[in-house]
């Protein structure tokens, strides 16, 4: 991995406390800060920002011509730029140029002329100086390790000037998620998900957890039917913060520990004495250490085990996030969840899955769910009913237009249910997602076998 330091001349060849909530911008805030499919007009504030960036980062204008600001998040800003020294380097990362070379005449002179006539663009990610140096190094290392992975945005190179680090990435022309998610057909949703799960499988095969999968971090071009996964600022290697959790026990061992707990003994004593059962309580002067776990991610996309501070989180938290994206497509609502914090997020899930299932998943991770919210039912609601509510339809079979769920939608909901399994051990993997009949159905309705 190349990291260039300070002096750059033309022609020259995190550690944050795991219990802190490292949260990306909300989906709508981040979507509003992006530019897609074309440069768009640059307003004065963006022009001033680019001018300050060029003035503060030594010699950057000798390598790149900054064109526009195309993304702005919690931890970084991304700019579109022309690579002025493109022809000085080997550019295996440039898939578009490789395709042009295959399609064009083999003459080296002609290829050189084509390159001179057409500018080559890159994305410059300016990582905020407030980021931990270890976090920045971690992101660059992970991107380098994933450089040959399909549907994952590779790292071209990186530069450092004083305390400022920038990463150079391929520029990928895409469309804002808000411009197409309501209009996608079921076949277009399948194409999107095939690309997404192909990227997730590559990441998980390398034992890496992305932790922040959401529409703004998967740049998709509907016209090309191709997308790339970006922003590994919160990513980590699986097992980095691993500590044993209650969910790691086999069912028999977990049941034995429950029966020997203080609360279970109180219940047994109450039943024996024929007195009212005690309510769940906590020690007045609790001397136990607080539970610490990585809760990084974006509101509305975090898996239940992240909300419950599971200390044995795995790559399967990314599958949950992908399931939420599918839920967005089917419900035609973005963002689907509007929680302000982890408690609100847990309540939102409880309203859908019901108190009974949420108590079980909380108990799985050594937590007790106690609530008196009257609108929260025991059994919750089915995904089919929720999709019908969101799209303003009733449950009658689809005889008339806009009534009931189509067979495609029912199959998509079954697939989504496998992604949104509350128990991480029962959740489908990225490889299994790509082999699922729903993603292997063609436009004609037949099912193909995944490669």
Foldseek 3Di string as FASTA:
>chain_A
DAEAEQDDDPLDDADDFQQDAAAKDAPVVFLVFFDFDDADDADPVFVVVVVVVPVVRPPPVVFWAWRTWGTDMDFKTKTKIWGPCVVSDDCPLPPVLVVVCVVDDVDPVVSVVVPVVDTFMKMKIKTDLPHHPVLVVQLLVLLCVLQPQAQAWHWPYKYYYDSIIITITHDDGADRCLVPLQPDDLQLVLLLVLSVLSQLVSCVVQQKAQQADDRVQWGAHSVVSHIHGDDSSVMDGAPPQADDFLLPDDPVVSVVVVCPDPLNVQQVVCVVVVHDRDDDDDDPDDPDDDQGHRLYYYPLLFAPCSLLNQRNDGNLRVLSSSLQNLLCSLLVDPNPDDDPDSVSSLVVVQQAQAPQVSQVLSVSRPHGDDDDPPSRHHGHHQSQVSSCVSQVEDCDPPPDPPHHDDPLSVLSSVLSCLSRPNSSVSHDHSVVSQQDQSSQQHPVGDGDGGD
